[in-house]
Amino acid sequence: MAKIRSLIKTTLVEVAQRKRTCKNTSGDISKGELCIVISEGQFDRSCYSKDVGLKMIERSRKRLDEIEHQLLGKLLPNEQKKEDNGKD
């Protein structure tokens, strides 16, 4: 059987060994701070601050839930409310 691919890119949580710059906000990530590093390839690494990383995780979790519900043929909670309102 073929290996199942991951929908998640290569992502690491690192302690900054030197000052870095958040790719999203251009803000500083100080030495010693936790940050998220996403690798798109061997030489393509993007750093994100802890706050931005947590927002990315939240957004990704919502999107993965949407995909799963679509695959299972279920309505999402907000779609259920719309359907219930239409029955009145």
PDB file of N, CA and C in Angstrom:
ATOM      1  N   MET A   1       0.841  -1.177   0.000  1.00  0.00           N
ATOM      2  CA  MET A   1       0.000   0.000   0.000  1.00  0.00           C
ATOM      3  C   MET A   1       0.890   1.246   0.000  1.00  0.00           C
ATOM      4  N   ALA A   2       0.467   2.256  -0.714  1.00  0.00           N
ATOM      5  CA  ALA A   2       1.246   3.494  -0.815  1.00  0.00           C
ATOM      6  C   ALA A   2       1.218   4.258   0.503  1.00  0.00           C
ATOM      7  N   LYS A   3       2.277   4.976   0.745  1.00  0.00           N
ATOM      8  CA  LYS A   3       2.381   5.797   1.950  1.00  0.00           C
ATOM      9  C   LYS A   3       1.359   6.931   1.874  1.00  0.00           C
ATOM     10  N   ILE A   4       0.656   7.181   2.959  1.00  0.00           N
ATOM     11  CA  ILE A   4      -0.332   8.252   3.005  1.00  0.00           C
ATOM     12  C   ILE A   4       0.376   9.568   3.288  1.00  0.00           C
ATOM     13  N   ARG A   5       0.123  10.553   2.439  1.00  0.00           N
ATOM     14  CA  ARG A   5       0.757  11.863   2.586  1.00  0.00           C
ATOM     15  C   ARG A   5       0.075  12.673   3.678  1.00  0.00           C
ATOM     16  N   SER A   6       0.817  13.590   4.230  1.00  0.00           N
ATOM     17  CA  SER A   6       0.288  14.487   5.240  1.00  0.00           C
ATOM     18  C   SER A   6      -0.185  15.783   4.586  1.00  0.00           C
ATOM     19  N   LEU A   7      -1.250  16.349   5.119  1.00  0.00           N
ATOM     20  CA  LEU A   7      -1.705  17.662   4.651  1.00  0.00           C
ATOM     21  C   LEU A   7      -0.906  18.781   5.294  1.00  0.00           C
ATOM     22  N   ILE A   8      -0.131  18.450   6.316  1.00  0.00           N
ATOM     23  CA  ILE A   8       0.647  19.436   7.058  1.00  0.00           C
ATOM     24  C   ILE A   8       2.058  19.500   6.478  1.00  0.00           C
ATOM     25  N   LYS A   9       2.509  20.712   6.187  1.00  0.00           N
ATOM     26  CA  LYS A   9       3.878  20.897   5.700  1.00  0.00           C
ATOM     27  C   LYS A   9       4.857  20.616   6.839  1.00  0.00           C
ATOM     28  N   THR A  10       6.123  20.502   6.518  1.00  0.00           N
ATOM     29  CA  THR A  10       7.138  20.284   7.538  1.00  0.00           C
ATOM     30  C   THR A  10       7.190  21.505   8.444  1.00  0.00           C
ATOM     31  N   THR A  11       6.745  21.312   9.682  1.00  0.00           N
ATOM     32  CA  THR A  11       6.621  22.402  10.635  1.00  0.00           C
ATOM     33  C   THR A  11       7.308  22.024  11.932  1.00  0.00           C
ATOM     34  N   LEU A  12       8.112  22.934  12.458  1.00  0.00           N
ATOM     35  CA  LEU A  12       8.832  22.701  13.704  1.00  0.00           C
ATOM     36  C   LEU A  12       8.612  23.869  14.659  1.00  0.00           C
ATOM     37  N   VAL A  13       8.639  23.578  15.942  1.00  0.00           N
ATOM     38  CA  VAL A  13       8.693  24.628  16.953  1.00  0.00           C
ATOM     39  C   VAL A  13      10.146  24.671  17.412  1.00  0.00           C
ATOM     40  N   GLU A  14      10.742  25.851  17.318  1.00  0.00           N
ATOM     41  CA  GLU A  14      12.146  26.003  17.683  1.00  0.00           C
ATOM     42  C   GLU A  14      12.313  27.142  18.674  1.00  0.00           C
ATOM     43  N   VAL A  15      13.405  27.089  19.408  1.00  0.00           N
ATOM     44  CA  VAL A  15      13.843  28.218  20.226  1.00  0.00           C
ATOM     45  C   VAL A  15      14.834  28.980  19.355  1.00  0.00           C
ATOM     46  N   ALA A  16      14.547  30.255  19.133  1.00  0.00           N
ATOM     47  CA  ALA A  16      15.421  31.061  18.271  1.00  0.00           C
ATOM     48  C   ALA A  16      16.822  31.137  18.877  1.00  0.00           C
ATOM     49  N   GLN A  17      17.811  30.718  18.118  1.00  0.00           N
ATOM     50  CA  GLN A  17      19.199  30.777  18.569  1.00  0.00           C
ATOM     51  C   GLN A  17      19.832  32.136  18.283  1.00  0.00           C
ATOM     52  N   ARG A  18      19.123  32.925  17.489  1.00  0.00           N
ATOM     53  CA  ARG A  18      19.546  34.283  17.155  1.00  0.00           C
ATOM     54  C   ARG A  18      18.278  35.071  16.852  1.00  0.00           C
ATOM     55  N   LYS A  19      18.405  36.362  16.697  1.00  0.00           N
ATOM     56  CA  LYS A  19      17.247  37.187  16.363  1.00  0.00           C
ATOM     57  C   LYS A  19      16.720  36.780  14.991  1.00  0.00           C
ATOM     58  N   ARG A  20      15.407  36.638  14.880  1.00  0.00           N
ATOM     59  CA  ARG A  20      14.761  36.301  13.614  1.00  0.00           C
ATOM     60  C   ARG A  20      13.668  37.323  13.342  1.00  0.00           C
ATOM     61  N   THR A  21      13.116  37.247  12.149  1.00  0.00           N
ATOM     62  CA  THR A  21      12.028  38.140  11.755  1.00  0.00           C
ATOM     63  C   THR A  21      10.826  37.303  11.361  1.00  0.00           C
ATOM     64  N   CYS A  22       9.663  37.652  11.913  1.00  0.00           N
ATOM     65  CA  CYS A  22       8.419  36.965  11.576  1.00  0.00           C
ATOM     66  C   CYS A  22       8.045  37.294  10.135  1.00  0.00           C
ATOM     67  N   LYS A  23       7.813  36.275   9.333  1.00  0.00           N
ATOM     68  CA  LYS A  23       7.492  36.492   7.924  1.00  0.00           C
ATOM     69  C   LYS A  23       6.137  37.179   7.761  1.00  0.00           C
ATOM     70  N   ASN A  24       5.230  36.979   8.702  1.00  0.00           N
ATOM     71  CA  ASN A  24       3.886  37.541   8.598  1.00  0.00           C
ATOM     72  C   ASN A  24       3.824  39.004   9.012  1.00  0.00           C
ATOM     73  N   THR A  25       4.420  39.332  10.140  1.00  0.00           N
ATOM     74  CA  THR A  25       4.293  40.686  10.692  1.00  0.00           C
ATOM     75  C   THR A  25       5.551  41.534  10.519  1.00  0.00           C
ATOM     76  N   SER A  26       6.639  40.923  10.099  1.00  0.00           N
ATOM     77  CA  SER A  26       7.956  41.568  10.009  1.00  0.00           C
ATOM     78  C   SER A  26       8.460  42.009  11.378  1.00  0.00           C
ATOM     79  N   GLY A  27       7.824  41.512  12.442  1.00  0.00           N
ATOM     80  CA  GLY A  27       8.263  41.832  13.801  1.00  0.00           C
ATOM     81  C   GLY A  27       9.456  40.977  14.198  1.00  0.00           C
ATOM     82  N   ASP A  28      10.148  41.418  15.223  1.00  0.00           N
ATOM     83  CA  ASP A  28      11.317  40.690  15.701  1.00  0.00           C
ATOM     84  C   ASP A  28      10.917  39.482  16.541  1.00  0.00           C
ATOM     85  N   ILE A  29      11.671  38.405  16.374  1.00  0.00           N
ATOM     86  CA  ILE A  29      11.608  37.235  17.242  1.00  0.00           C
ATOM     87  C   ILE A  29      12.961  37.218  17.940  1.00  0.00           C
ATOM     88  N   SER A  30      12.953  37.493  19.227  1.00  0.00           N
ATOM     89  CA  SER A  30      14.203  37.623  19.975  1.00  0.00           C
ATOM     90  C   SER A  30      14.862  36.272  20.214  1.00  0.00           C
ATOM     91  N   LYS A  31      16.156  36.308  20.401  1.00  0.00           N
ATOM     92  CA  LYS A  31      16.905  35.115  20.758  1.00  0.00           C
ATOM     93  C   LYS A  31      16.286  34.511  22.021  1.00  0.00           C
ATOM     94  N   GLY A  32      16.043  33.204  22.003  1.00  0.00           N
ATOM     95  CA  GLY A  32      15.475  32.502  23.147  1.00  0.00           C
ATOM     96  C   GLY A  32      13.963  32.354  23.099  1.00  0.00           C
ATOM     97  N   GLU A  33      13.282  33.069  22.193  1.00  0.00           N
ATOM     98  CA  GLU A  33      11.820  32.960  22.075  1.00  0.00           C
ATOM     99  C   GLU A  33      11.439  31.745  21.243  1.00  0.00           C
ATOM    100  N   LEU A  34      10.276  31.175  21.563  1.00  0.00           N
ATOM    101  CA  LEU A  34       9.738  30.096  20.748  1.00  0.00           C
ATOM    102  C   LEU A  34       9.192  30.679  19.450  1.00  0.00           C
ATOM    103  N   CYS A  35       9.370  29.940  18.373  1.00  0.00           N
ATOM    104  CA  CYS A  35       8.821  30.350  17.086  1.00  0.00           C
ATOM    105  C   CYS A  35       8.481  29.108  16.281  1.00  0.00           C
ATOM    106  N   ILE A  36       7.680  29.295  15.257  1.00  0.00           N
ATOM    107  CA  ILE A  36       7.322  28.197  14.356  1.00  0.00           C
ATOM    108  C   ILE A  36       8.120  28.377  13.071  1.00  0.00           C
ATOM    109  N   VAL A  37       8.691  27.285  12.594  1.00  0.00           N
ATOM    110  CA  VAL A  37       9.458  27.301  11.356  1.00  0.00           C
ATOM    111  C   VAL A  37       8.789  26.334  10.385  1.00  0.00           C
ATOM    112  N   ILE A  38       8.418  26.844   9.220  1.00  0.00           N
ATOM    113  CA  ILE A  38       7.796  26.020   8.191  1.00  0.00           C
ATOM    114  C   ILE A  38       8.777  25.894   7.044  1.00  0.00           C
ATOM    115  N   SER A  39       9.068  24.650   6.670  1.00  0.00           N
ATOM    116  CA  SER A  39      10.006  24.383   5.576  1.00  0.00           C
ATOM    117  C   SER A  39       9.236  24.005   4.325  1.00  0.00           C
ATOM    118  N   GLU A  40       9.491  24.738   3.250  1.00  0.00           N
ATOM    119  CA  GLU A  40       8.871  24.442   1.954  1.00  0.00           C
ATOM    120  C   GLU A  40       9.816  23.621   1.089  1.00  0.00           C
ATOM    121  N   GLY A  41      11.053  23.582   1.460  1.00  0.00           N
ATOM    122  CA  GLY A  41      12.070  22.856   0.731  1.00  0.00           C
ATOM    123  C   GLY A  41      13.344  22.892   1.545  1.00  0.00           C
ATOM    124  N   GLN A  42      14.398  22.341   0.999  1.00  0.00           N
ATOM    125  CA  GLN A  42      15.647  22.240   1.738  1.00  0.00           C
ATOM    126  C   GLN A  42      16.175  23.600   2.177  1.00  0.00           C
ATOM    127  N   PHE A  43      16.038  24.613   1.339  1.00  0.00           N
ATOM    128  CA  PHE A  43      16.606  25.922   1.643  1.00  0.00           C
ATOM    129  C   PHE A  43      15.549  27.006   1.839  1.00  0.00           C
ATOM    130  N   ASP A  44      14.287  26.640   1.876  1.00  0.00           N
ATOM    131  CA  ASP A  44      13.206  27.611   2.007  1.00  0.00           C
ATOM    132  C   ASP A  44      12.513  27.444   3.355  1.00  0.00           C
ATOM    133  N   ARG A  45      12.951  28.229   4.345  1.00  0.00           N
ATOM    134  CA  ARG A  45      12.404  28.170   5.703  1.00  0.00           C
ATOM    135  C   ARG A  45      11.807  29.513   6.070  1.00  0.00           C
ATOM    136  N   SER A  46      10.589  29.487   6.588  1.00  0.00           N
ATOM    137  CA  SER A  46       9.928  30.718   7.026  1.00  0.00           C
ATOM    138  C   SER A  46       9.686  30.640   8.524  1.00  0.00           C
ATOM    139  N   CYS A  47       9.999  31.732   9.227  1.00  0.00           N
ATOM    140  CA  CYS A  47       9.826  31.802  10.679  1.00  0.00           C
ATOM    141  C   CYS A  47       8.613  32.664  11.000  1.00  0.00           C
ATOM    142  N   TYR A  48       7.876  32.239  12.024  1.00  0.00           N
ATOM    143  CA  TYR A  48       6.702  32.970  12.478  1.00  0.00           C
ATOM    144  C   TYR A  48       6.741  33.069  13.994  1.00  0.00           C
ATOM    145  N   SER A  49       6.287  34.201  14.520  1.00  0.00           N
ATOM    146  CA  SER A  49       6.258  34.394  15.968  1.00  0.00           C
ATOM    147  C   SER A  49       5.259  33.425  16.601  1.00  0.00           C
ATOM    148  N   LYS A  50       5.367  33.281  17.904  1.00  0.00           N
ATOM    149  CA  LYS A  50       4.480  32.377  18.638  1.00  0.00           C
ATOM    150  C   LYS A  50       3.020  32.785  18.448  1.00  0.00           C
ATOM    151  N   ASP A  51       2.715  34.082  18.564  1.00  0.00           N
ATOM    152  CA  ASP A  51       1.339  34.550  18.410  1.00  0.00           C
ATOM    153  C   ASP A  51       0.789  34.262  17.014  1.00  0.00           C
ATOM    154  N   VAL A  52       1.575  34.537  15.997  1.00  0.00           N
ATOM    155  CA  VAL A  52       1.153  34.266  14.626  1.00  0.00           C
ATOM    156  C   VAL A  52       0.993  32.763  14.427  1.00  0.00           C
ATOM    157  N   GLY A  53       1.919  31.977  14.969  1.00  0.00           N
ATOM    158  CA  GLY A  53       1.843  30.524  14.847  1.00  0.00           C
ATOM    159  C   GLY A  53       0.572  29.955  15.452  1.00  0.00           C
ATOM    160  N   LEU A  54       0.179  30.478  16.614  1.00  0.00           N
ATOM    161  CA  LEU A  54      -1.058  30.003  17.251  1.00  0.00           C
ATOM    162  C   LEU A  54      -2.280  30.349  16.405  1.00  0.00           C
ATOM    163  N   LYS A  55      -2.289  31.518  15.781  1.00  0.00           N
ATOM    164  CA  LYS A  55      -3.394  31.894  14.894  1.00  0.00           C
ATOM    165  C   LYS A  55      -3.420  30.994  13.652  1.00  0.00           C
ATOM    166  N   MET A  56      -2.235  30.660  13.143  1.00  0.00           N
ATOM    167  CA  MET A  56      -2.152  29.772  11.982  1.00  0.00           C
ATOM    168  C   MET A  56      -2.704  28.388  12.329  1.00  0.00           C
ATOM    169  N   ILE A  57      -2.378  27.899  13.521  1.00  0.00           N
ATOM    170  CA  ILE A  57      -2.863  26.594  13.963  1.00  0.00           C
ATOM    171  C   ILE A  57      -4.388  26.611  14.079  1.00  0.00           C
ATOM    172  N   GLU A  58      -4.928  27.667  14.674  1.00  0.00           N
ATOM    173  CA  GLU A  58      -6.381  27.781  14.821  1.00  0.00           C
ATOM    174  C   GLU A  58      -7.078  27.782  13.457  1.00  0.00           C
ATOM    175  N   ARG A  59      -6.538  28.566  12.538  1.00  0.00           N
ATOM    176  CA  ARG A  59      -7.127  28.650  11.195  1.00  0.00           C
ATOM    177  C   ARG A  59      -7.021  27.310  10.469  1.00  0.00           C
ATOM    178  N   SER A  60      -5.881  26.650  10.594  1.00  0.00           N
ATOM    179  CA  SER A  60      -5.682  25.358   9.939  1.00  0.00           C
ATOM    180  C   SER A  60      -6.610  24.296  10.527  1.00  0.00           C
ATOM    181  N   ARG A  61      -6.783  24.336  11.845  1.00  0.00           N
ATOM    182  CA  ARG A  61      -7.671  23.373  12.500  1.00  0.00           C
ATOM    183  C   ARG A  61      -9.106  23.527  11.978  1.00  0.00           C
ATOM    184  N   LYS A  62      -9.566  24.775  11.824  1.00  0.00           N
ATOM    185  CA  LYS A  62     -10.909  25.024  11.298  1.00  0.00           C
ATOM    186  C   LYS A  62     -11.034  24.500   9.877  1.00  0.00           C
ATOM    187  N   ARG A  63     -10.007  24.751   9.074  1.00  0.00           N
ATOM    188  CA  ARG A  63     -10.049  24.310   7.672  1.00  0.00           C
ATOM    189  C   ARG A  63     -10.041  22.789   7.583  1.00  0.00           C
ATOM    190  N   LEU A  64      -9.238  22.131   8.412  1.00  0.00           N
ATOM    191  CA  LEU A  64      -9.215  20.667   8.409  1.00  0.00           C
ATOM    192  C   LEU A  64     -10.558  20.102   8.850  1.00  0.00           C
ATOM    193  N   ASP A  65     -11.211  20.739   9.818  1.00  0.00           N
ATOM    194  CA  ASP A  65     -12.551  20.320  10.239  1.00  0.00           C
ATOM    195  C   ASP A  65     -13.542  20.446   9.085  1.00  0.00           C
ATOM    196  N   GLU A  66     -13.460  21.547   8.340  1.00  0.00           N
ATOM    197  CA  GLU A  66     -14.340  21.739   7.184  1.00  0.00           C
ATOM    198  C   GLU A  66     -14.140  20.627   6.154  1.00  0.00           C
ATOM    199  N   ILE A  67     -12.888  20.320   5.865  1.00  0.00           N
ATOM    200  CA  ILE A  67     -12.579  19.278   4.879  1.00  0.00           C
ATOM    201  C   ILE A  67     -13.111  17.939   5.352  1.00  0.00           C
ATOM    202  N   GLU A  68     -12.895  17.618   6.629  1.00  0.00           N
ATOM    203  CA  GLU A  68     -13.370  16.347   7.173  1.00  0.00           C
ATOM    204  C   GLU A  68     -14.898  16.255   7.096  1.00  0.00           C
ATOM    205  N   HIS A  69     -15.588  17.329   7.467  1.00  0.00           N
ATOM    206  CA  HIS A  69     -17.049  17.325   7.405  1.00  0.00           C
ATOM    207  C   HIS A  69     -17.538  17.147   5.967  1.00  0.00           C
ATOM    208  N   GLN A  70     -16.866  17.773   5.016  1.00  0.00           N
ATOM    209  CA  GLN A  70     -17.248  17.619   3.616  1.00  0.00           C
ATOM    210  C   GLN A  70     -17.063  16.181   3.158  1.00  0.00           C
ATOM    211  N   LEU A  71     -15.956  15.562   3.559  1.00  0.00           N
ATOM    212  CA  LEU A  71     -15.708  14.174   3.174  1.00  0.00           C
ATOM    213  C   LEU A  71     -16.725  13.216   3.791  1.00  0.00           C
ATOM    214  N   LEU A  72     -17.161  13.533   5.004  1.00  0.00           N
ATOM    215  CA  LEU A  72     -18.129  12.675   5.697  1.00  0.00           C
ATOM    216  C   LEU A  72     -19.572  13.024   5.347  1.00  0.00           C
ATOM    217  N   GLY A  73     -19.764  14.098   4.585  1.00  0.00           N
ATOM    218  CA  GLY A  73     -21.110  14.495   4.191  1.00  0.00           C
ATOM    219  C   GLY A  73     -21.915  15.089   5.321  1.00  0.00           C
ATOM    220  N   LYS A  74     -21.256  15.667   6.298  1.00  0.00           N
ATOM    221  CA  LYS A  74     -21.940  16.277   7.435  1.00  0.00           C
ATOM    222  C   LYS A  74     -22.020  17.785   7.245  1.00  0.00           C
ATOM    223  N   LEU A  75     -23.014  18.381   7.894  1.00  0.00           N
ATOM    224  CA  LEU A  75     -23.114  19.838   7.904  1.00  0.00           C
ATOM    225  C   LEU A  75     -22.251  20.390   9.019  1.00  0.00           C
ATOM    226  N   LEU A  76     -21.622  21.522   8.753  1.00  0.00           N
ATOM    227  CA  LEU A  76     -20.870  22.219   9.793  1.00  0.00           C
ATOM    228  C   LEU A  76     -21.850  22.915  10.728  1.00  0.00           C
ATOM    229  N   PRO A  77     -21.445  23.207  11.963  1.00  0.00           N
ATOM    230  CA  PRO A  77     -22.354  23.858  12.906  1.00  0.00           C
ATOM    231  C   PRO A  77     -23.008  25.126  12.362  1.00  0.00           C
ATOM    232  N   ASN A  78     -22.261  25.981  11.654  1.00  0.00           N
ATOM    233  CA  ASN A  78     -22.863  27.212  11.116  1.00  0.00           C
ATOM    234  C   ASN A  78     -23.824  26.906   9.975  1.00  0.00           C
ATOM    235  N   GLU A  79     -23.583  25.843   9.204  1.00  0.00           N
ATOM    236  CA  GLU A  79     -24.496  25.447   8.141  1.00  0.00           C
ATOM    237  C   GLU A  79     -25.775  24.868   8.734  1.00  0.00           C
ATOM    238  N   GLN A  80     -25.657  24.164   9.855  1.00  0.00           N
ATOM    239  CA  GLN A  80     -26.812  23.594  10.537  1.00  0.00           C
ATOM    240  C   GLN A  80     -27.755  24.710  10.992  1.00  0.00           C
ATOM    241  N   LYS A  81     -27.191  25.796  11.538  1.00  0.00           N
ATOM    242  CA  LYS A  81     -27.994  26.929  11.988  1.00  0.00           C
ATOM    243  C   LYS A  81     -28.746  27.548  10.816  1.00  0.00           C
ATOM    244  N   LYS A  82     -28.067  27.698   9.667  1.00  0.00           N
ATOM    245  CA  LYS A  82     -28.702  28.274   8.486  1.00  0.00           C
ATOM    246  C   LYS A  82     -29.865  27.394   8.040  1.00  0.00           C
ATOM    247  N   GLU A  83     -29.661  26.071   8.044  1.00  0.00           N
ATOM    248  CA  GLU A  83     -30.694  25.138   7.621  1.00  0.00           C
ATOM    249  C   GLU A  83     -31.879  25.190   8.580  1.00  0.00           C
ATOM    250  N   ASP A  84     -31.604  25.266   9.879  1.00  0.00           N
ATOM    251  CA  ASP A  84     -32.663  25.348  10.882  1.00  0.00           C
ATOM    252  C   ASP A  84     -33.472  26.630  10.717  1.00  0.00           C
ATOM    253  N   ASN A  85     -32.815  27.736  10.412  1.00  0.00           N
ATOM    254  CA  ASN A  85     -33.500  29.009  10.206  1.00  0.00           C
ATOM    255  C   ASN A  85     -34.375  28.977   8.956  1.00  0.00           C
ATOM    256  N   GLY A  86     -33.979  28.222   7.966  1.00  0.00           N
ATOM    257  CA  GLY A  86     -34.760  28.131   6.737  1.00  0.00           C
ATOM    258  C   GLY A  86     -36.025  27.334   6.909  1.00  0.00           C
ATOM    259  N   LYS A  87     -36.145  26.507   7.930  1.00  0.00           N
ATOM    260  CA  LYS A  87     -37.329  25.675   8.157  1.00  0.00           C
ATOM    261  C   LYS A  87     -38.474  26.450   8.761  1.00  0.00           C
ATOM    262  N   ASP A  88     -38.202  27.601   9.338  1.00  0.00           N
ATOM    263  CA  ASP A  88     -39.267  28.389  10.012  1.00  0.00           C
ATOM    264  C   ASP A  88     -40.278  28.941   9.043  1.00  0.00           C
TER     265      ASP A  88
END
